[in-house]
Amino acid sequence: MACGHVKDLGPEPTYLSPAACAECHQQDVATWAHLRMCLTCGHVGCCDSSQYRHARAHFTETGHVLMRSIEPGEDWKWCYVDKTIAT
């Protein structure tokens, strides 16, 4: 299934906190698996493999459906609504 949300994307936002998950940083949590950036607002959160899943929580709270990995060497987007890699 293809993601229909990609067509609605504007210019990619600037990272709000590129080196850390914003919520983990606020809670003094020092470890997470991977970082993901919201393609609507630039929020950076930890992935679903991390204990707190802040990237998904951001989607749930805001309805911002697209995110991308900001891990070195990774170049992919994810749509939470369509549950697929967004191209």
C-alpha atoms as a PDB file:
ATOM      1  CA  MET A   1       0.000   0.000   0.000  1.00  0.00           C
ATOM      2  CA  ALA A   2       1.363   3.415  -0.943  1.00  0.00           C
ATOM      3  CA  CYS A   3       1.346   6.401   1.381  1.00  0.00           C
ATOM      4  CA  GLY A   4      -0.813   9.253   0.124  1.00  0.00           C
ATOM      5  CA  HIS A   5       0.456  11.720   2.736  1.00  0.00           C
ATOM      6  CA  VAL A   6       3.878  12.388   1.175  1.00  0.00           C
ATOM      7  CA  LYS A   7       2.328  14.644  -1.468  1.00  0.00           C
ATOM      8  CA  ASP A   8       1.226  16.996   1.327  1.00  0.00           C
ATOM      9  CA  LEU A   9       4.754  17.537   2.665  1.00  0.00           C
ATOM     10  CA  GLY A  10       6.256  20.993   2.495  1.00  0.00           C
ATOM     11  CA  PRO A  11       9.955  21.758   2.849  1.00  0.00           C
ATOM     12  CA  GLU A  12      11.699  19.526   5.380  1.00  0.00           C
ATOM     13  CA  PRO A  13      11.767  21.197   8.801  1.00  0.00           C
ATOM     14  CA  THR A  14      14.919  21.848  10.796  1.00  0.00           C
ATOM     15  CA  TYR A  15      15.694  19.381  13.595  1.00  0.00           C
ATOM     16  CA  LEU A  16      14.490  20.726  16.914  1.00  0.00           C
ATOM     17  CA  SER A  17      17.019  18.566  18.815  1.00  0.00           C
ATOM     18  CA  PRO A  18      19.169  16.494  16.447  1.00  0.00           C
ATOM     19  CA  ALA A  19      21.380  14.760  18.994  1.00  0.00           C
ATOM     20  CA  ALA A  20      18.733  13.512  21.416  1.00  0.00           C
ATOM     21  CA  CYS A  21      15.126  12.551  21.923  1.00  0.00           C
ATOM     22  CA  ALA A  22      13.484  15.705  23.287  1.00  0.00           C
ATOM     23  CA  GLU A  23      11.378  13.911  25.931  1.00  0.00           C
ATOM     24  CA  CYS A  24      14.128  11.484  26.977  1.00  0.00           C
ATOM     25  CA  HIS A  25      16.456  14.465  27.426  1.00  0.00           C
ATOM     26  CA  GLN A  26      13.869  16.242  29.607  1.00  0.00           C
ATOM     27  CA  GLN A  27      13.395  13.059  31.697  1.00  0.00           C
ATOM     28  CA  ASP A  28      17.175  12.430  32.039  1.00  0.00           C
ATOM     29  CA  VAL A  29      16.871   9.161  30.082  1.00  0.00           C
ATOM     30  CA  ALA A  30      20.273   8.687  28.483  1.00  0.00           C
ATOM     31  CA  THR A  31      19.656   5.743  26.163  1.00  0.00           C
ATOM     32  CA  TRP A  32      17.346   5.056  23.248  1.00  0.00           C
ATOM     33  CA  ALA A  33      17.573   2.795  20.209  1.00  0.00           C
ATOM     34  CA  HIS A  34      17.181   5.203  17.267  1.00  0.00           C
ATOM     35  CA  LEU A  35      16.014   8.754  16.586  1.00  0.00           C
ATOM     36  CA  ARG A  36      13.171   9.813  14.303  1.00  0.00           C
ATOM     37  CA  MET A  37      12.218  13.320  13.131  1.00  0.00           C
ATOM     38  CA  CYS A  38       8.681  14.551  12.493  1.00  0.00           C
ATOM     39  CA  LEU A  39       8.451  15.819   8.920  1.00  0.00           C
ATOM     40  CA  THR A  40       5.761  18.330   9.876  1.00  0.00           C
ATOM     41  CA  CYS A  41       7.429  20.214  12.730  1.00  0.00           C
ATOM     42  CA  GLY A  42      10.963  18.831  13.234  1.00  0.00           C
ATOM     43  CA  HIS A  43      10.325  17.216  16.629  1.00  0.00           C
ATOM     44  CA  VAL A  44      12.919  14.510  17.371  1.00  0.00           C
ATOM     45  CA  GLY A  45      11.813  11.452  19.334  1.00  0.00           C
ATOM     46  CA  CYS A  46      12.995   7.935  20.033  1.00  0.00           C
ATOM     47  CA  CYS A  47      11.779   5.008  17.908  1.00  0.00           C
ATOM     48  CA  ASP A  48       9.401   2.146  18.689  1.00  0.00           C
ATOM     49  CA  SER A  49      12.363  -0.055  19.661  1.00  0.00           C
ATOM     50  CA  SER A  50      13.128   2.376  22.488  1.00  0.00           C
ATOM     51  CA  GLN A  51      11.532   2.042  25.901  1.00  0.00           C
ATOM     52  CA  TYR A  52       9.357   5.176  25.732  1.00  0.00           C
ATOM     53  CA  ARG A  53       8.529   5.389  21.982  1.00  0.00           C
ATOM     54  CA  HIS A  54       8.393   9.199  21.986  1.00  0.00           C
ATOM     55  CA  ALA A  55       8.238   9.532  18.173  1.00  0.00           C
ATOM     56  CA  ARG A  56       5.005   7.492  18.134  1.00  0.00           C
ATOM     57  CA  ALA A  57       3.674   9.434  21.136  1.00  0.00           C
ATOM     58  CA  HIS A  58       4.305  12.648  19.190  1.00  0.00           C
ATOM     59  CA  PHE A  59       2.220  11.285  16.284  1.00  0.00           C
ATOM     60  CA  THR A  60      -0.572  10.263  18.686  1.00  0.00           C
ATOM     61  CA  GLU A  61      -0.617  13.688  20.362  1.00  0.00           C
ATOM     62  CA  THR A  62      -0.279  15.861  17.252  1.00  0.00           C
ATOM     63  CA  GLY A  63      -1.578  13.838  14.308  1.00  0.00           C
ATOM     64  CA  HIS A  64       1.674  14.502  12.428  1.00  0.00           C
ATOM     65  CA  VAL A  65       1.716  11.319  10.358  1.00  0.00           C
ATOM     66  CA  LEU A  66       5.138  11.318   8.654  1.00  0.00           C
ATOM     67  CA  MET A  67       8.561  10.930  10.185  1.00  0.00           C
ATOM     68  CA  ARG A  68      11.992   9.954   8.989  1.00  0.00           C
ATOM     69  CA  SER A  69      15.025   8.320  10.446  1.00  0.00           C
ATOM     70  CA  ILE A  70      17.866  10.656  11.339  1.00  0.00           C
ATOM     71  CA  GLU A  71      20.290   7.817  11.956  1.00  0.00           C
ATOM     72  CA  PRO A  72      23.533   7.948   9.955  1.00  0.00           C
ATOM     73  CA  GLY A  73      23.265   5.964   6.729  1.00  0.00           C
ATOM     74  CA  GLU A  74      19.451   5.670   6.889  1.00  0.00           C
ATOM     75  CA  ASP A  75      17.300   7.472   4.337  1.00  0.00           C
ATOM     76  CA  TRP A  76      13.657   6.463   4.728  1.00  0.00           C
ATOM     77  CA  LYS A  77      10.323   7.911   5.841  1.00  0.00           C
ATOM     78  CA  TRP A  78       7.484   6.211   7.738  1.00  0.00           C
ATOM     79  CA  CYS A  79       3.767   6.942   7.669  1.00  0.00           C
ATOM     80  CA  TYR A  80       2.033   6.056  10.942  1.00  0.00           C
ATOM     81  CA  VAL A  81      -1.442   6.116   9.346  1.00  0.00           C
ATOM     82  CA  ASP A  82      -0.670   3.912   6.340  1.00  0.00           C
ATOM     83  CA  LYS A  83       1.857   1.826   8.346  1.00  0.00           C
ATOM     84  CA  THR A  84       4.296   1.780   5.447  1.00  0.00           C
ATOM     85  CA  ILE A  85       7.552   3.202   4.184  1.00  0.00           C
ATOM     86  CA  ALA A  86       6.593   6.510   2.572  1.00  0.00           C
ATOM     87  CA  THR A  87       8.030   7.251  -0.854  1.00  0.00           C
END
